[in-house]
Amino acid sequence: MKLTHIEHLGIAVKSLDEAIPFYENTLGLKCYAIEEVAEQKVRTAFFKVGQTKIELLEATDPESAIAKFIDKKGEGIQHVAFAVEGLQENLDELAAKGVRLIDAQPRKGAEGLNIAFVHPKSTFGVLTELCENPNK
């Protein structure tokens, strides 16, 4: 694996409109981007803390993964994302080691990143996202 840093922590929330003020007014962070990722049925809001980002995730469809997560577990940390170099190579390496993947091929995510998820059954219960910036 070629992990470079924690790219972001994904936090499922019922409402961006309700959650953003906490991060801005209470924690003093600045929301620098809000984006809808239609393919994933989610709206995202991003904050930066040092090199790491916080991604708030709001479902846009009751059948989305975020809506189902909130229904089952409530609001809270939904995933951890690591930045990698060579996303497809890392996925191939994980698959060869018997790691269960949700995505065997990268797909487009928020902020123009290529992303893929590793199944939490292979990561001790933590949904893990691997991200690669295609422009680097």
Protein backbone atom coordinates (compact mmCIF):
# COMPACT_ATOMS: atom_id res chain seq x y z
CA MET A 1 0.00 0.00 0.00
CA LYS A 2 1.07 3.54 -0.70
CA LEU A 3 -0.93 5.62 1.81
CA THR A 4 0.20 9.24 1.99
CA HIS A 5 -2.11 10.72 4.64
CA ILE A 6 -5.63 10.71 6.06
CA GLU A 7 -7.54 12.48 3.30
CA HIS A 8 -10.73 13.01 5.28
CA LEU A 9 -13.15 11.71 7.87
CA GLY A 10 -16.69 11.22 6.58
CA ILE A 11 -19.43 12.17 9.03
CA ALA A 12 -23.06 11.31 8.28
CA VAL A 13 -25.51 14.05 9.26
CA LYS A 14 -29.24 14.45 8.79
CA SER A 15 -28.91 18.07 7.68
CA LEU A 16 -25.98 20.08 6.37
CA ASP A 17 -27.90 23.24 7.22
CA GLU A 18 -27.99 22.20 10.87
CA ALA A 19 -24.47 20.71 11.07
CA ILE A 20 -22.42 23.37 9.25
CA PRO A 21 -23.05 26.10 11.86
CA PHE A 22 -21.64 23.84 14.61
CA TYR A 23 -18.39 23.34 12.71
CA GLU A 24 -18.16 27.03 11.80
CA ASN A 25 -19.50 28.80 14.89
CA THR A 26 -18.45 26.38 17.62
CA LEU A 27 -15.26 24.84 16.25
CA GLY A 28 -14.18 27.87 14.23
CA LEU A 29 -13.72 26.00 10.96
CA LYS A 30 -14.72 27.36 7.55
CA CYS A 31 -16.86 25.37 5.16
CA TYR A 32 -14.99 25.83 1.88
CA ALA A 33 -17.16 23.70 -0.42
CA ILE A 34 -20.63 22.19 -0.69
CA GLU A 35 -21.16 19.69 -3.48
CA GLU A 36 -23.79 17.20 -4.57
CA VAL A 37 -22.56 13.81 -5.76
CA ALA A 38 -25.65 12.56 -7.59
CA GLU A 39 -24.25 9.08 -8.23
CA GLN A 40 -23.86 8.54 -4.48
CA LYS A 41 -27.15 10.33 -3.60
CA VAL A 42 -25.38 12.66 -1.20
CA ARG A 43 -24.58 16.32 -0.55
CA THR A 44 -21.22 17.04 1.01
CA ALA A 45 -19.70 19.93 2.93
CA PHE A 46 -15.95 20.19 3.47
CA PHE A 47 -13.81 21.71 6.21
CA LYS A 48 -10.03 21.59 6.53
CA VAL A 49 -8.09 20.89 9.73
CA GLY A 50 -4.38 20.95 8.92
CA GLN A 51 -3.85 18.57 6.01
CA THR A 52 -6.96 16.53 6.87
CA LYS A 53 -10.51 17.33 5.79
CA ILE A 54 -13.84 16.74 7.48
CA GLU A 55 -16.56 15.73 5.02
CA LEU A 56 -20.14 16.08 6.22
CA LEU A 57 -22.51 13.83 4.26
CA GLU A 58 -26.24 14.43 3.91
CA ALA A 59 -28.45 11.93 2.07
CA THR A 60 -30.42 13.19 -0.92
CA ASP A 61 -32.41 9.96 -1.20
CA PRO A 62 -33.86 7.72 1.53
CA GLU A 63 -32.32 4.69 -0.24
CA SER A 64 -28.78 6.10 -0.21
CA ALA A 65 -25.96 4.55 1.80
CA ILE A 66 -25.88 7.62 4.07
CA ALA A 67 -29.62 7.48 4.79
CA LYS A 68 -29.36 3.77 5.59
CA PHE A 69 -26.33 4.40 7.82
CA ILE A 70 -28.19 7.09 9.80
CA ASP A 71 -31.29 4.88 10.10
CA LYS A 72 -29.17 2.02 11.46
CA LYS A 73 -26.52 3.79 13.54
CA GLY A 74 -27.53 7.43 13.81
CA GLU A 75 -25.42 10.42 12.88
CA GLY A 76 -21.66 10.12 13.29
CA ILE A 77 -18.42 8.97 11.72
CA GLN A 78 -19.29 6.92 8.64
CA HIS A 79 -15.86 6.35 7.09
CA VAL A 80 -12.18 7.16 7.12
CA ALA A 81 -10.49 8.04 3.84
CA PHE A 82 -6.83 7.62 3.04
CA ALA A 83 -5.03 9.34 0.18
CA VAL A 84 -3.08 6.89 -1.96
CA GLU A 85 -0.75 6.90 -4.90
CA GLY A 86 -1.81 4.43 -7.58
CA LEU A 87 -5.40 3.71 -6.57
CA GLN A 88 -5.98 0.84 -9.00
CA GLU A 89 -2.69 -0.80 -8.08
CA ASN A 90 -3.61 -0.58 -4.40
CA LEU A 91 -7.03 -2.12 -5.07
CA ASP A 92 -5.43 -4.95 -7.03
CA GLU A 93 -2.96 -5.55 -4.18
CA LEU A 94 -5.76 -5.65 -1.59
CA ALA A 95 -7.83 -8.04 -3.72
CA ALA A 96 -4.82 -10.32 -4.16
CA LYS A 97 -4.48 -10.41 -0.36
CA GLY A 98 -8.12 -11.50 -0.03
CA VAL A 99 -9.43 -8.16 1.21
CA ARG A 100 -13.13 -7.66 0.44
CA LEU A 101 -13.67 -4.60 -1.76
CA ILE A 102 -16.85 -2.66 -2.36
CA ASP A 103 -15.26 -1.10 -5.45
CA ALA A 104 -12.82 -3.16 -7.50
CA GLN A 105 -12.43 -0.20 -9.87
CA PRO A 106 -12.10 3.50 -8.97
CA ARG A 107 -15.07 5.79 -9.45
CA LYS A 108 -15.56 9.55 -9.27
CA GLY A 109 -16.15 11.11 -5.87
CA ALA A 110 -16.47 14.58 -4.40
CA GLU A 111 -13.82 17.21 -5.19
CA GLY A 112 -12.92 15.39 -8.41
CA LEU A 113 -11.12 12.58 -6.59
CA ASN A 114 -11.05 9.00 -7.80
CA ILE A 115 -12.32 6.84 -4.95
CA ALA A 116 -12.94 3.24 -3.95
CA PHE A 117 -14.28 1.68 -0.77
CA VAL A 118 -12.98 -1.30 1.16
CA HIS A 119 -15.67 -3.36 2.90
CA PRO A 120 -15.83 -2.91 6.69
CA LYS A 121 -15.89 -6.69 7.14
CA SER A 122 -12.25 -6.66 6.04
CA THR A 123 -11.23 -3.63 8.10
CA PHE A 124 -12.46 -4.47 11.59
CA GLY A 125 -15.75 -2.63 11.16
CA VAL A 126 -14.42 0.61 9.67
CA LEU A 127 -15.68 1.59 6.23
CA THR A 128 -12.46 2.63 4.51
CA GLU A 129 -12.21 4.85 1.45
CA LEU A 130 -9.12 5.14 -0.71
CA CYS A 131 -8.76 8.40 -2.65
CA GLU A 132 -6.47 9.55 -5.42
CA ASN A 133 -6.23 12.99 -6.93
CA PRO A 134 -6.07 12.38 -10.71
CA ASN A 135 -4.44 15.81 -11.19
CA LYS A 136 -1.33 14.99 -9.17
